[in-house]
Protein backbone atom coordinates (compact mmCIF):
# COMPACT_ATOMS: atom_id res chain seq x y z
CA MET A 1 -22.87 10.29 -35.74
CA THR A 2 -21.15 6.95 -36.37
CA PHE A 3 -17.58 6.48 -37.61
CA LYS A 4 -16.25 3.53 -39.61
CA ASN A 5 -12.80 2.74 -41.04
CA LEU A 6 -12.19 2.77 -44.79
CA VAL A 7 -9.69 0.04 -45.60
CA HIS A 8 -7.94 -0.87 -48.85
CA THR A 9 -7.26 -4.61 -49.20
CA THR A 10 -4.58 -6.12 -51.42
CA THR A 11 -3.42 -9.70 -51.84
CA TYR A 12 0.10 -11.02 -52.18
CA GLU A 13 1.84 -14.38 -52.20
CA LYS A 14 4.25 -15.53 -49.49
CA ASN A 15 5.76 -19.02 -49.41
CA GLY A 16 3.23 -20.14 -52.04
CA GLU A 17 0.31 -18.96 -49.89
CA GLN A 18 -2.12 -16.11 -50.71
CA LYS A 19 -2.18 -13.45 -47.98
CA LYS A 20 -4.11 -10.19 -47.52
CA LYS A 21 -2.75 -6.80 -46.53
CA TYR A 22 -5.05 -4.18 -44.97
CA THR A 23 -4.31 -0.46 -45.14
CA ASN A 24 -6.51 2.07 -43.31
CA VAL A 25 -7.02 4.95 -45.76
CA GLY A 26 -9.77 7.07 -44.18
CA THR A 27 -13.06 7.40 -42.33
CA LEU A 28 -16.71 6.93 -43.27
CA PHE A 29 -19.07 9.23 -41.35
CA ILE A 30 -22.71 8.16 -40.96
CA TYR A 31 -24.79 11.11 -39.79
CA ASP A 32 -27.88 10.83 -37.60
CA ASP A 33 -30.13 11.59 -40.59
CA GLY A 34 -28.66 8.61 -42.54
CA ASN A 35 -26.48 10.64 -44.90
CA MET A 36 -22.83 9.65 -45.25
CA GLY A 37 -19.52 11.40 -45.78
CA ILE A 38 -16.00 10.21 -46.52
CA LYS A 39 -12.63 11.61 -45.48
CA LEU A 40 -9.67 10.07 -47.31
CA ASP A 41 -6.34 10.39 -45.49
CA SER A 42 -4.36 8.69 -48.26
CA ILE A 43 -4.75 7.00 -51.61
CA PRO A 44 -2.91 3.68 -51.90
CA VAL A 45 -0.40 2.94 -54.63
CA ASN A 46 -2.04 0.82 -57.35
CA PHE A 47 -5.48 1.87 -56.08
CA ASP A 48 -8.17 -0.14 -57.89
CA GLY A 49 -11.09 1.97 -56.64
CA LYS A 50 -12.30 -0.62 -54.10
CA LEU A 51 -12.51 0.03 -50.35
CA ALA A 52 -13.86 -2.08 -47.48
CA VAL A 53 -15.76 -0.63 -44.51
CA TYR A 54 -15.03 -1.89 -40.97
CA ASP A 55 -16.54 -0.88 -37.64
CA ARG A 56 -14.10 1.10 -35.52
CA ASP A 57 -13.90 -1.64 -32.89
CA GLU A 58 -13.56 -4.40 -35.50
CA LYS A 59 -9.93 -5.18 -36.30
CA PRO A 60 -8.81 -6.73 -39.59
CA LYS A 61 -6.95 -10.02 -39.11
CA GLN A 62 -3.67 -8.43 -40.14
CA GLN A 63 -2.38 -5.06 -38.96
CA PRO A 64 -1.38 -2.49 -41.60
CA ALA A 65 2.25 -2.67 -42.67
CA GLN A 66 4.67 -0.31 -41.01
CA SER A 67 6.26 2.39 -43.13
CA GLN A 68 9.41 1.28 -44.89
CA TYR A 69 10.92 4.72 -44.40
CA ALA A 70 12.82 5.72 -41.29
CA GLN A 71 11.27 8.37 -39.10
CA PRO A 72 13.19 11.67 -39.04
CA ALA A 73 15.33 12.33 -35.99
CA PRO A 74 14.01 15.01 -33.65
CA ALA A 75 15.53 18.44 -34.10
CA PRO A 76 18.27 19.26 -31.59
CA SER A 77 17.12 21.50 -28.79
CA MET A 78 18.65 24.95 -28.48
CA PRO A 79 19.57 26.54 -25.18
CA PRO A 80 17.25 29.34 -24.09
CA MET A 81 18.28 32.82 -25.22
CA LYS A 82 18.85 35.68 -22.84
CA GLU A 83 17.47 39.10 -23.63
CA GLN A 84 20.96 40.62 -23.92
CA ASP A 85 21.86 38.01 -26.61
CA ILE A 86 19.25 39.41 -29.02
CA PRO A 87 21.12 41.75 -31.45
CA PHE A 88 18.29 44.25 -32.00
């Protein structure tokens, strides 16, 4: 079985220059018998129905944008409970 990246490409303008943004959205599976399957991990905002296929070792020129949302802080750890502290 062979795996390939499914990538959504969008264009934007920065300083009067056209740029491309690549977002990895899933995986294309190519089975030994030639059949194919797709696993979508996400659907981009403003999705136009077009996806590009890249080999796993082939990197797009520009890395996908980082999330604009902050990552949640890890939950505080609790001290271990002793058996006599359990009320039942």
